[in-house]
Amino acid sequence: MATLFCMDCGQEEAWNSSRFRCACGGTFDIRQTLHRDDAERLKRLFDERLRHRTGVYASGVWRYKELIAPELPEEAVITRGEGNTGLYEAESLRRRAGVRKLWIKALGENPSGSFKDHGMTAAVSHGTAIGKSRFICASTGNTAASLAMYASWAGAAGWILVSPGEVAANKLLQTLAYGGTVIPVEGGYDAGIRFLTDHAEPMGVYLCNSVNPWRIEGQKSIVYELAHQLNWEMPDWLVLPGGALSNATAAGKALAELHTLGFIRKLPRIAIVQAEGASPFHRMVEAGERELTSVTAPLTRASALRIGDPPNWRKALAYAIQGTNGVTTAVTDEAILAEKRAIDRAGIGCEPASAASLAGLAKLVRLGVIHPDETAVCLLTGGLLKDTDALAALPASAGEAASPIPDSPVPLLAEAFAAWLTGPLA
């Protein structure tokens, strides 16, 4: 059974509530009721579902439905077969990181090209189940594309708040192609999420940002699938990029549940990696502070990490840092782009934000935080073609000339859409 509860006052709500903020102003989370006796039964069930090729349980999210949204009616599930992403071992990347064993989880293989699909299928399915037909989010790009895709698939309306000039052209084009209605907002992602947290519910639209706890529940499936792929034997470290911190929250929560229920014997430690120009969470943890000081003008080439006031920082602190004895670090844009080039050259590929995980792992090994004899999984959160402008900006490897990039229509399209975004709204 799944119930909502306020992390501040303990107030509870039923699973089909549309409220994501408590009357006391606190944040809702979701509590799953399961017992250790369920683990072996569910392992067998999850194994059996691997045979499904179509339908709800072919999804790499809904395969684990009992751990995500057990009460949700099957007919309400809006799925595109998300999840089922590759787990790779690349020797060249292992050597760069400096650990004994390294796996790469390529979440960019999701239908819309990013990890956001894991959470968005849960959010849109929950909204559909409670009768919602208008969905909204603020986004740096990947959430926008994912929401537009799922809303279109559900036959619903998808509205997206973006800050002109701060979203990669490919992500904006993808959102528009899926039929999303793009609404310009000044102040970037942080301003958009603050507005929607206050006004989405009174407006009668269903909020699909990660302040919606069903987003977090869906994203737990990333760790469930990873653990399943590794036959429930976990690595020493799980390393992931940190923007809005929904993935860090979901990963920490999923690991705690799997460990408590007896699915896994070892609880990996989580390392959250932020870009130096957008690292409020790392700065808070490093300084031992209890409150986050936001960055008013976050700056990084990795646009998915360009968040100065991450809405999930309290949950990430509890689940990922305190819950797993986790750590944080920050890396330069130069390090991010260098590791992106290495990941691309390994034949996997990713968008810039994804490469922060490998850059962070290598840095933590150099600092002695992670021992060279330990094992790790790096999450790549978005696919190679999410930000093709970044390909032209990649530095050349030592001894290698930069490849010339042919003239591309993307910048012209970006300018055209930027002009459209700043025009009057219909």
Protein backbone atom coordinates (compact mmCIF):
# COMPACT_ATOMS: atom_id res chain seq x y z
CA MET A 1 0.00 0.00 0.00
CA ALA A 2 1.21 3.53 -0.79
CA THR A 3 0.24 6.59 1.25
CA LEU A 4 1.33 10.22 1.13
CA PHE A 5 2.70 11.77 4.31
CA CYS A 6 4.08 15.19 5.16
CA MET A 7 7.78 15.11 5.98
CA ASP A 8 7.28 18.04 8.40
CA CYS A 9 4.11 17.33 10.39
CA GLY A 10 3.28 13.71 9.51
CA GLN A 11 -0.15 14.47 8.02
CA GLU A 12 -1.28 11.61 5.74
CA GLU A 13 -3.20 11.62 2.46
CA ALA A 14 -4.58 8.74 0.36
CA TRP A 15 -2.65 7.62 -2.74
CA ASN A 16 -5.24 9.29 -5.01
CA SER A 17 -4.82 12.76 -3.54
CA SER A 18 -3.92 15.57 -5.94
CA ARG A 19 -2.19 17.59 -3.20
CA PHE A 20 1.60 17.65 -3.17
CA ARG A 21 2.06 20.27 -0.46
CA CYS A 22 0.72 19.90 3.08
CA ALA A 23 -1.46 22.54 4.73
CA CYS A 24 1.48 23.19 7.08
CA GLY A 25 3.64 24.07 4.06
CA GLY A 26 5.64 20.86 4.25
CA THR A 27 6.54 18.50 1.42
CA PHE A 28 4.72 15.24 0.84
CA ASP A 29 6.55 11.98 0.41
CA ILE A 30 5.22 8.48 -0.22
CA ARG A 31 5.45 5.58 2.18
CA GLN A 32 5.25 2.04 0.79
CA THR A 33 3.98 -0.73 3.07
CA LEU A 34 5.83 -3.98 2.38
CA HIS A 35 7.41 -6.73 4.43
CA ARG A 36 10.63 -8.76 4.20
CA ASP A 37 8.52 -11.84 3.50
CA ASP A 38 7.55 -10.24 0.16
CA ALA A 39 11.08 -10.09 -1.28
CA GLU A 40 11.49 -13.60 -2.70
CA ARG A 41 7.94 -13.64 -4.09
CA LEU A 42 8.49 -10.30 -5.79
CA LYS A 43 11.87 -11.34 -7.19
CA ARG A 44 10.20 -14.29 -8.89
CA LEU A 45 7.41 -12.04 -10.17
CA PHE A 46 9.90 -9.50 -11.56
CA ASP A 47 11.83 -12.31 -13.27
CA GLU A 48 8.63 -13.61 -14.85
CA ARG A 49 7.79 -10.16 -16.19
CA LEU A 50 11.07 -10.03 -18.11
CA ARG A 51 9.33 -12.27 -20.65
CA HIS A 52 6.73 -9.59 -21.44
CA ARG A 53 7.32 -7.88 -24.78
CA THR A 54 4.20 -5.67 -24.84
CA GLY A 55 1.79 -4.24 -22.31
CA VAL A 56 2.21 -2.63 -18.91
CA TYR A 57 4.74 -5.10 -17.52
CA ALA A 58 7.07 -4.84 -20.51
CA SER A 59 7.98 -1.45 -19.03
CA GLY A 60 11.18 -1.23 -17.02
CA VAL A 61 9.24 0.95 -14.60
CA TRP A 62 5.96 -0.91 -14.23
CA ARG A 63 7.73 -4.27 -13.99
CA TYR A 64 8.25 -3.12 -10.39
CA LYS A 65 4.72 -1.76 -9.89
CA GLU A 66 4.33 -3.27 -6.41
CA LEU A 67 7.23 -1.10 -5.21
CA ILE A 68 5.99 2.06 -6.94
CA ALA A 69 2.19 2.39 -7.16
CA PRO A 70 0.48 -0.84 -6.07
CA GLU A 71 -3.03 0.70 -5.96
CA LEU A 72 -2.83 2.33 -9.40
CA PRO A 73 -5.28 0.59 -11.77
CA GLU A 74 -3.53 -1.09 -14.70
CA GLU A 75 -5.85 0.64 -17.16
CA ALA A 76 -4.62 4.05 -15.92
CA VAL A 77 -0.96 3.31 -16.68
CA ILE A 78 0.46 5.50 -19.45
CA THR A 79 3.56 3.73 -20.70
CA ARG A 80 5.92 3.91 -23.66
CA GLY A 81 7.96 0.87 -22.64
CA GLU A 82 10.32 3.12 -20.69
CA GLY A 83 13.28 1.71 -18.78
CA ASN A 84 14.94 -1.42 -20.13
CA THR A 85 18.12 0.60 -20.63
CA GLY A 86 21.57 -0.87 -21.12
CA LEU A 87 24.16 -1.53 -18.44
CA TYR A 88 27.62 -1.48 -20.01
CA GLU A 89 31.21 -2.20 -19.06
CA ALA A 90 33.67 -0.05 -21.01
CA GLU A 91 37.31 -0.73 -20.20
CA SER A 92 38.46 2.66 -21.49
CA LEU A 93 36.10 4.44 -19.09
CA ARG A 94 37.04 2.19 -16.18
CA ARG A 95 40.70 3.12 -16.68
CA ARG A 96 39.82 6.83 -16.77
CA ALA A 97 37.82 6.52 -13.55
CA GLY A 98 40.51 4.49 -11.78
CA VAL A 99 38.27 1.89 -10.10
CA ARG A 100 38.43 -1.91 -10.13
CA LYS A 101 35.09 -2.35 -11.90
CA LEU A 102 32.75 0.15 -13.55
CA TRP A 103 29.31 -0.15 -15.09
CA ILE A 104 27.61 2.57 -17.13
CA LYS A 105 23.81 2.77 -16.96
CA ALA A 106 22.68 4.51 -20.17
CA LEU A 107 19.37 6.14 -19.24
CA GLY A 108 19.42 8.13 -22.48
CA GLU A 109 18.07 4.98 -24.14
CA ASN A 110 14.61 5.81 -22.73
CA PRO A 111 11.87 6.73 -25.28
CA SER A 112 12.28 10.50 -24.95
CA GLY A 113 16.04 10.21 -24.50
CA SER A 114 16.47 10.78 -20.77
CA PHE A 115 15.91 9.36 -17.30
CA LYS A 116 12.90 11.65 -16.87
CA ASP A 117 10.67 9.01 -18.48
CA HIS A 118 10.99 6.82 -15.37
CA GLY A 119 9.29 9.46 -13.26
CA MET A 120 7.03 10.98 -15.88
CA THR A 121 5.21 7.75 -16.64
CA ALA A 122 4.34 7.49 -12.94
CA ALA A 123 3.24 11.12 -12.64
CA VAL A 124 1.07 11.17 -15.79
CA SER A 125 -0.39 7.76 -14.90
CA HIS A 126 -1.31 8.97 -11.42
CA GLY A 127 -2.79 12.17 -12.85
CA THR A 128 -4.82 10.18 -15.37
CA ALA A 129 -6.07 7.86 -12.63
CA ILE A 130 -7.46 10.78 -10.62
CA GLY A 131 -9.10 12.39 -13.64
CA LYS A 132 -6.57 15.03 -14.71
CA SER A 133 -6.19 15.95 -18.38
CA ARG A 134 -3.93 19.02 -18.20
CA PHE A 135 -0.30 18.57 -17.16
CA ILE A 136 2.37 21.20 -16.55
CA CYS A 137 6.04 21.53 -15.60
CA ALA A 138 8.98 23.90 -15.55
CA SER A 139 12.04 22.54 -17.30
CA THR A 140 15.64 22.89 -18.40
CA GLY A 141 14.72 20.63 -21.34
CA ASN A 142 14.50 16.92 -20.59
CA THR A 143 11.43 17.16 -18.34
CA ALA A 144 9.76 19.23 -21.06
CA ALA A 145 10.31 16.61 -23.75
CA SER A 146 9.24 13.77 -21.48
CA LEU A 147 6.05 15.50 -20.33
CA ALA A 148 5.12 16.50 -23.89
CA MET A 149 5.59 12.91 -25.03
CA TYR A 150 3.52 11.30 -22.27
CA ALA A 151 0.78 13.94 -22.40
CA SER A 152 0.45 13.41 -26.14
CA TRP A 153 0.42 9.62 -25.67
CA ALA A 154 -2.35 10.03 -23.07
CA GLY A 155 -4.36 12.37 -25.33
CA ALA A 156 -3.94 15.16 -22.80
CA ALA A 157 -2.56 18.71 -22.80
CA GLY A 158 1.09 19.31 -21.88
CA TRP A 159 2.22 22.81 -20.87
CA ILE A 160 5.88 23.61 -20.27
CA LEU A 161 7.49 26.69 -18.71
CA VAL A 162 10.98 27.40 -20.07
CA SER A 163 13.37 30.30 -19.92
CA PRO A 164 14.23 31.47 -23.47
CA GLY A 165 17.85 30.87 -24.37
CA GLU A 166 18.48 28.43 -21.51
CA VAL A 167 17.18 25.23 -23.14
CA ALA A 168 19.18 23.24 -25.69
CA ALA A 169 17.65 23.65 -29.14
CA ASN A 170 17.18 19.90 -29.61
CA LYS A 171 15.19 19.58 -26.40
CA LEU A 172 12.98 22.51 -27.33
CA LEU A 173 12.38 21.14 -30.82
CA GLN A 174 11.58 17.73 -29.36
CA THR A 175 9.04 19.26 -26.96
CA LEU A 176 7.31 21.16 -29.74
CA ALA A 177 7.33 18.13 -32.03
CA TYR A 178 5.43 16.13 -29.40
CA GLY A 179 2.82 18.88 -29.29
CA GLY A 180 3.79 20.50 -26.01
CA THR A 181 2.67 24.10 -25.44
CA VAL A 182 5.77 26.10 -24.51
CA ILE A 183 5.32 29.12 -22.24
CA PRO A 184 8.26 31.51 -21.75
CA VAL A 185 9.15 32.52 -18.20
CA GLU A 186 11.92 34.82 -17.04
CA GLY A 187 14.24 33.69 -14.28
CA GLY A 188 15.01 30.18 -15.48
CA TYR A 189 13.94 26.85 -14.04
CA ASP A 190 14.08 28.08 -10.45
CA ALA A 191 11.52 30.84 -11.07
CA GLY A 192 9.26 28.47 -13.00
CA ILE A 193 9.20 25.79 -10.31
CA ARG A 194 8.53 28.34 -7.57
CA PHE A 195 5.56 29.69 -9.51
CA LEU A 196 4.11 26.25 -10.23
CA THR A 197 4.56 24.98 -6.68
CA ASP A 198 2.35 27.85 -5.51
CA HIS A 199 -0.15 28.03 -8.35
CA ALA A 200 -0.54 24.72 -10.21
CA GLU A 201 -3.06 23.25 -7.78
CA PRO A 202 -5.32 26.36 -7.62
CA MET A 203 -5.17 26.51 -11.45
CA GLY A 204 -6.44 22.93 -11.65
CA VAL A 205 -3.44 21.64 -13.62
CA TYR A 206 -1.44 18.59 -12.61
CA LEU A 207 2.15 19.45 -11.69
CA CYS A 208 4.74 17.06 -13.12
CA ASN A 209 7.95 18.41 -11.64
CA SER A 210 9.77 16.35 -9.06
CA VAL A 211 8.04 18.14 -6.18
CA ASN A 212 5.33 15.67 -7.21
CA PRO A 213 6.25 12.59 -5.12
CA TRP A 214 5.04 10.20 -7.83
CA ARG A 215 7.90 11.42 -10.00
CA ILE A 216 10.27 10.21 -7.30
CA GLU A 217 8.46 6.88 -6.98
CA GLY A 218 8.77 6.25 -10.73
CA GLN A 219 12.46 7.17 -10.74
CA LYS A 220 13.13 4.58 -8.04
CA SER A 221 12.77 2.04 -10.86
CA ILE A 222 16.20 3.11 -12.18
CA VAL A 223 17.78 1.50 -9.13
CA TYR A 224 15.35 -1.43 -9.13
CA GLU A 225 16.25 -2.25 -12.72
CA LEU A 226 19.95 -1.77 -12.03
CA ALA A 227 19.81 -4.13 -9.05
CA HIS A 228 17.83 -6.65 -11.09
CA GLN A 229 20.42 -6.49 -13.92
CA LEU A 230 23.19 -7.13 -11.38
CA ASN A 231 21.26 -10.09 -9.92
CA TRP A 232 20.67 -8.08 -6.71
CA GLU A 233 24.42 -7.75 -5.99
CA MET A 234 25.19 -4.07 -5.71
CA PRO A 235 28.43 -2.11 -6.31
CA ASP A 236 30.22 -0.07 -3.68
CA TRP A 237 29.19 3.27 -5.23
CA LEU A 238 26.38 4.75 -7.28
CA VAL A 239 27.52 8.00 -8.92
CA LEU A 240 25.04 10.40 -10.51
CA PRO A 241 24.67 14.03 -11.64
CA GLY A 242 22.79 16.40 -9.36
CA GLY A 243 20.50 19.11 -10.76
CA ALA A 244 17.04 19.23 -9.20
CA LEU A 245 18.21 16.24 -7.09
CA SER A 246 15.20 14.07 -7.94
CA ASN A 247 17.44 11.21 -9.09
CA ALA A 248 19.55 11.36 -5.95
CA THR A 249 16.39 11.31 -3.83
CA ALA A 250 14.86 8.43 -5.77
CA ALA A 251 18.09 6.42 -5.73
CA GLY A 252 18.57 6.81 -1.99
CA LYS A 253 14.97 5.93 -1.30
CA ALA A 254 15.05 2.88 -3.60
CA LEU A 255 18.26 1.57 -2.05
CA ALA A 256 16.85 1.92 1.46
CA GLU A 257 13.71 0.03 0.49
CA LEU A 258 15.58 -2.76 -1.28
CA HIS A 259 17.93 -3.15 1.68
CA THR A 260 15.16 -3.08 4.29
CA LEU A 261 13.10 -5.63 2.36
CA GLY A 262 16.08 -7.93 1.89
CA PHE A 263 16.40 -7.65 -1.89
CA ILE A 264 20.03 -6.54 -1.56
CA ARG A 265 22.63 -7.36 1.10
CA LYS A 266 24.87 -4.34 0.63
CA LEU A 267 23.82 -0.70 0.68
CA PRO A 268 25.93 1.24 -1.87
CA ARG A 269 27.05 4.76 -1.10
CA ILE A 270 25.76 7.54 -3.35
CA ALA A 271 27.99 10.25 -4.81
CA ILE A 272 26.17 13.32 -6.14
CA VAL A 273 28.10 15.35 -8.69
CA GLN A 274 27.24 18.97 -9.51
CA ALA A 275 28.78 21.45 -11.93
CA GLU A 276 30.98 24.00 -10.17
CA GLY A 277 28.90 26.89 -11.45
CA ALA A 278 25.67 25.34 -10.16
CA SER A 279 26.62 23.52 -6.97
CA PRO A 280 24.52 24.84 -4.06
CA PHE A 281 23.90 21.37 -2.65
CA HIS A 282 27.58 20.39 -2.71
CA ARG A 283 28.53 23.66 -1.04
CA MET A 284 25.97 23.08 1.71
CA VAL A 285 27.11 19.50 2.39
CA GLU A 286 30.80 20.41 2.21
CA ALA A 287 30.31 23.23 4.71
CA GLY A 288 28.23 21.08 7.04
CA GLU A 289 25.33 23.51 6.87
CA ARG A 290 21.69 22.62 7.56
CA GLU A 291 20.07 25.00 5.07
CA LEU A 292 20.74 25.42 1.38
CA THR A 293 21.85 28.78 0.04
CA SER A 294 20.63 29.04 -3.54
CA VAL A 295 22.76 30.23 -6.44
CA THR A 296 20.97 33.15 -8.06
CA ALA A 297 22.64 32.84 -11.45
CA PRO A 298 23.74 29.21 -11.95
CA LEU A 299 26.15 28.86 -14.85
CA THR A 300 27.30 25.69 -16.58
CA ARG A 301 27.55 24.35 -20.12
CA ALA A 302 25.68 21.28 -18.87
CA SER A 303 22.24 22.89 -19.15
CA ALA A 304 20.43 20.08 -17.32
CA LEU A 305 22.47 20.97 -14.22
CA ARG A 306 21.80 24.71 -14.45
CA ILE A 307 19.66 24.79 -11.31
CA GLY A 308 20.46 27.13 -8.43
CA ASP A 309 17.67 26.19 -6.04
CA PRO A 310 17.09 22.43 -6.29
CA PRO A 311 13.59 21.65 -4.97
CA ASN A 312 14.47 18.19 -3.65
CA TRP A 313 17.51 19.10 -1.58
CA ARG A 314 15.94 18.13 1.76
CA LYS A 315 14.92 14.71 0.47
CA ALA A 316 18.30 14.19 -1.21
CA LEU A 317 20.06 15.07 2.02
CA ALA A 318 17.94 12.57 3.97
CA TYR A 319 17.85 9.68 1.50
CA ALA A 320 21.09 9.94 -0.47
CA ILE A 321 23.60 11.59 1.88
CA GLN A 322 22.47 10.60 5.37
CA GLY A 323 20.76 7.39 4.26
CA THR A 324 23.75 5.91 2.41
CA ASN A 325 26.65 7.78 4.02
CA GLY A 326 26.86 9.53 0.69
CA VAL A 327 29.14 12.30 -0.55
CA THR A 328 29.02 15.24 -2.94
CA THR A 329 31.52 16.87 -5.24
CA ALA A 330 31.61 19.54 -7.95
CA VAL A 331 33.46 19.40 -11.27
CA THR A 332 34.41 21.97 -13.88
CA ASP A 333 32.75 22.28 -17.26
CA GLU A 334 36.12 21.40 -18.80
CA ALA A 335 36.14 18.09 -16.90
CA ILE A 336 32.53 17.40 -17.87
CA LEU A 337 33.18 17.97 -21.57
CA ALA A 338 36.37 15.90 -21.49
CA GLU A 339 34.52 12.94 -19.98
CA LYS A 340 31.65 13.43 -22.41
CA ARG A 341 34.11 13.07 -25.25
CA ALA A 342 35.45 9.86 -23.70
CA ILE A 343 31.95 8.43 -23.25
CA ASP A 344 31.07 9.33 -26.84
CA ARG A 345 34.31 7.75 -28.10
CA ALA A 346 33.51 4.60 -26.12
CA GLY A 347 30.49 4.13 -28.37
CA ILE A 348 27.90 4.93 -25.70
CA GLY A 349 27.39 8.70 -25.91
CA CYS A 350 25.61 11.14 -23.62
CA GLU A 351 24.63 14.76 -23.15
CA PRO A 352 27.01 16.97 -21.13
CA ALA A 353 25.20 16.71 -17.77
CA SER A 354 25.47 12.93 -17.86
CA ALA A 355 29.25 13.05 -18.09
CA ALA A 356 29.40 14.79 -14.71
CA SER A 357 29.02 11.35 -13.13
CA LEU A 358 32.23 10.01 -14.70
CA ALA A 359 34.09 13.28 -14.05
CA GLY A 360 32.95 13.17 -10.42
CA LEU A 361 33.95 9.53 -9.99
CA ALA A 362 37.45 10.20 -11.32
CA LYS A 363 37.81 13.22 -9.02
CA LEU A 364 36.66 11.30 -5.95
CA VAL A 365 39.19 8.55 -6.72
CA ARG A 366 41.97 11.15 -7.05
CA LEU A 367 40.94 12.67 -3.71
CA GLY A 368 41.00 9.28 -2.01
CA VAL A 369 37.28 9.33 -1.18
CA ILE A 370 36.70 6.30 -3.43
CA HIS A 371 39.34 3.56 -3.27
CA PRO A 372 40.74 2.20 -6.56
CA ASP A 373 39.77 -1.33 -5.47
CA GLU A 374 36.09 -0.38 -5.17
CA THR A 375 33.33 -0.84 -7.75
CA ALA A 376 30.93 1.76 -9.12
CA VAL A 377 27.99 2.44 -11.41
CA CYS A 378 27.74 5.80 -13.20
CA LEU A 379 24.32 6.97 -14.34
CA LEU A 380 24.21 8.69 -17.74
CA THR A 381 21.01 10.69 -17.54
CA GLY A 382 20.51 11.86 -21.15
CA GLY A 383 21.33 10.72 -24.67
CA LEU A 384 23.95 11.96 -27.11
CA LEU A 385 21.61 13.93 -29.38
CA LYS A 386 19.92 15.90 -26.61
CA ASP A 387 22.40 18.76 -27.05
CA THR A 388 24.15 18.65 -30.41
CA ASP A 389 25.49 22.19 -29.93
CA ALA A 390 27.75 20.69 -27.25
CA LEU A 391 29.36 18.40 -29.81
CA ALA A 392 30.90 21.39 -31.55
CA ALA A 393 32.25 22.69 -28.25
CA LEU A 394 34.03 19.47 -27.24
CA PRO A 395 37.76 19.86 -26.63
CA ALA A 396 40.09 17.69 -28.66
CA SER A 397 41.81 14.81 -26.92
CA ALA A 398 45.56 15.04 -26.49
CA GLY A 399 47.23 14.51 -29.84
CA GLU A 400 43.94 14.67 -31.73
CA ALA A 401 42.69 17.54 -33.85
CA ALA A 402 39.15 18.71 -33.25
CA SER A 403 36.79 17.43 -35.92
CA PRO A 404 35.25 20.22 -37.99
CA ILE A 405 31.50 20.48 -37.51
CA PRO A 406 29.62 21.11 -40.77
CA ASP A 407 27.15 23.94 -41.03
CA SER A 408 24.01 22.95 -39.16
CA PRO A 409 20.42 24.22 -39.28
CA VAL A 410 20.09 23.84 -35.51
CA PRO A 411 21.35 27.35 -34.54
CA LEU A 412 19.00 28.92 -37.09
CA LEU A 413 16.08 26.90 -35.74
CA ALA A 414 17.04 27.87 -32.20
CA GLU A 415 16.96 31.56 -33.17
CA ALA A 416 13.58 31.14 -34.86
CA PHE A 417 12.04 29.45 -31.86
CA ALA A 418 13.62 31.91 -29.44
CA ALA A 419 11.93 34.72 -31.38
CA TRP A 420 8.63 32.81 -31.29
CA LEU A 421 8.95 32.23 -27.53
CA THR A 422 9.47 35.91 -26.76
CA GLY A 423 6.50 36.95 -28.87
CA PRO A 424 2.93 37.43 -27.61
CA LEU A 425 1.18 34.33 -26.30
CA ALA A 426 -1.83 33.00 -28.17
